Amino acid sequence: MLSFNTTQTGLYPNQLRENCLTLLFWIFKLIYMTLKEIKENIDTLDKLEILNLAAYTKHLSVRENPDYGNELDRLWDSISEGDNLKLDEFLKIDADLSSKNF
């Protein structure tokens, strides 16, 4: 069992525990926004930031799924074996998409 030297802190163990929990609560409150706060502030993001947020939230929604991890491994292996675009191919696709406002 944990023991506390209450003469140094001036608090009883239960008070110290409660103060620590209160401090942790406020740290988490400052670090993590609520869904309501995110929704209220999302309009301030530019298009690229919204796309990054969408990609990140999509990743968070599937990261624990074993099939997702397996698919990432399969794609990585495919790319490592040379299944990728050359720079000129990428630039052509980028130009085509840019001309269509994608």
Protein backbone atom coordinates (compact mmCIF):
# COMPACT_ATOMS: atom_id res chain seq x y z
CA MET A 1 0.00 0.00 0.00
CA LEU A 2 1.15 3.52 -0.71
CA SER A 3 2.12 5.67 2.19
CA PHE A 4 2.20 9.46 2.23
CA ASN A 5 4.21 11.73 4.43
CA THR A 6 1.35 14.07 5.27
CA THR A 7 3.49 16.24 7.53
CA GLN A 8 5.37 17.55 4.49
CA THR A 9 2.34 18.07 2.27
CA GLY A 10 -0.03 19.23 4.96
CA LEU A 11 -2.70 17.07 3.34
CA TYR A 12 -4.22 13.78 4.26
CA PRO A 13 -3.85 11.01 1.66
CA ASN A 14 -7.46 11.36 0.44
CA GLN A 15 -7.07 15.12 0.01
CA LEU A 16 -3.81 14.65 -1.86
CA ARG A 17 -5.43 12.07 -4.13
CA GLU A 18 -8.39 14.36 -4.80
CA ASN A 19 -6.10 17.31 -5.58
CA CYS A 20 -4.10 15.15 -8.02
CA LEU A 21 -7.28 13.97 -9.75
CA THR A 22 -8.53 17.54 -10.03
CA LEU A 23 -5.21 18.61 -11.55
CA LEU A 24 -5.32 15.71 -14.03
CA PHE A 25 -8.87 16.65 -15.00
CA TRP A 26 -7.84 20.22 -15.86
CA ILE A 27 -4.76 19.05 -17.76
CA PHE A 28 -6.91 16.77 -19.93
CA LYS A 29 -9.51 19.53 -20.35
CA LEU A 30 -6.84 21.87 -21.66
CA ILE A 31 -5.31 19.27 -23.96
CA TYR A 32 -8.41 17.65 -25.45
CA MET A 33 -11.20 19.56 -27.08
CA THR A 34 -14.73 18.27 -26.90
CA LEU A 35 -16.55 17.24 -30.05
CA LYS A 36 -18.74 20.34 -29.68
CA GLU A 37 -15.63 22.56 -29.55
CA ILE A 38 -14.18 20.83 -32.62
CA LYS A 39 -17.42 21.30 -34.56
CA GLU A 40 -17.57 24.97 -33.57
CA ASN A 41 -13.98 25.58 -34.73
CA ILE A 42 -13.80 23.45 -37.86
CA ASP A 43 -15.05 26.32 -40.01
CA THR A 44 -11.86 28.22 -39.20
CA LEU A 45 -9.72 25.57 -40.94
CA ASP A 46 -8.60 25.89 -44.53
CA LYS A 47 -9.31 23.19 -47.11
CA LEU A 48 -5.98 21.38 -46.62
CA GLU A 49 -6.38 21.33 -42.83
CA ILE A 50 -9.89 19.88 -43.18
CA LEU A 51 -8.55 17.16 -45.52
CA ASN A 52 -5.78 16.35 -43.02
CA LEU A 53 -8.32 16.20 -40.20
CA ALA A 54 -10.57 13.91 -42.24
CA ALA A 55 -7.68 11.57 -43.04
CA TYR A 56 -6.58 11.50 -39.42
CA THR A 57 -10.07 10.77 -38.08
CA LYS A 58 -10.49 8.04 -40.71
CA HIS A 59 -7.21 6.50 -39.55
CA LEU A 60 -8.32 6.68 -35.91
CA SER A 61 -11.57 4.92 -36.75
CA VAL A 62 -9.85 1.90 -38.34
CA ARG A 63 -6.41 1.65 -36.73
CA GLU A 64 -7.41 -1.17 -34.36
CA ASN A 65 -8.86 -3.26 -37.18
CA PRO A 66 -6.45 -6.11 -38.07
CA ASP A 67 -7.58 -6.02 -41.71
CA TYR A 68 -6.49 -2.38 -41.94
CA GLY A 69 -3.01 -3.23 -40.66
CA ASN A 70 -2.77 -6.15 -43.06
CA GLU A 71 -3.78 -3.92 -45.98
CA LEU A 72 -1.14 -1.35 -45.03
CA ASP A 73 1.47 -4.13 -44.88
CA ARG A 74 0.35 -5.40 -48.30
CA LEU A 75 0.57 -1.91 -49.79
CA TRP A 76 4.00 -1.32 -48.26
CA ASP A 77 5.29 -4.61 -49.68
CA SER A 78 3.85 -3.73 -53.09
CA ILE A 79 5.54 -0.33 -53.09
CA SER A 80 8.82 -1.86 -51.90
CA GLU A 81 8.68 -4.25 -54.86
CA GLY A 82 8.42 -1.35 -57.31
CA ASP A 83 4.66 -0.89 -57.68
CA ASN A 84 4.70 2.89 -57.63
CA LEU A 85 4.45 5.93 -59.87
CA LYS A 86 7.40 7.57 -61.54
CA LEU A 87 7.67 11.33 -61.07
CA ASP A 88 6.52 12.15 -64.61
CA GLU A 89 3.45 9.89 -64.18
CA PHE A 90 2.61 11.61 -60.91
CA LEU A 91 3.00 15.09 -62.41
CA LYS A 92 0.68 14.18 -65.30
CA ILE A 93 -2.02 12.89 -62.91
CA ASP A 94 -1.57 15.96 -60.71
CA ALA A 95 -1.95 18.30 -63.70
CA ASP A 96 -5.08 16.44 -64.85
CA LEU A 97 -6.66 16.65 -61.40
CA SER A 98 -5.67 20.28 -60.93
CA SER A 99 -7.31 21.21 -64.24
CA LYS A 100 -10.54 19.62 -62.96
CA ASN A 101 -10.33 21.42 -59.58
CA PHE A 102 -9.74 18.27 -57.53
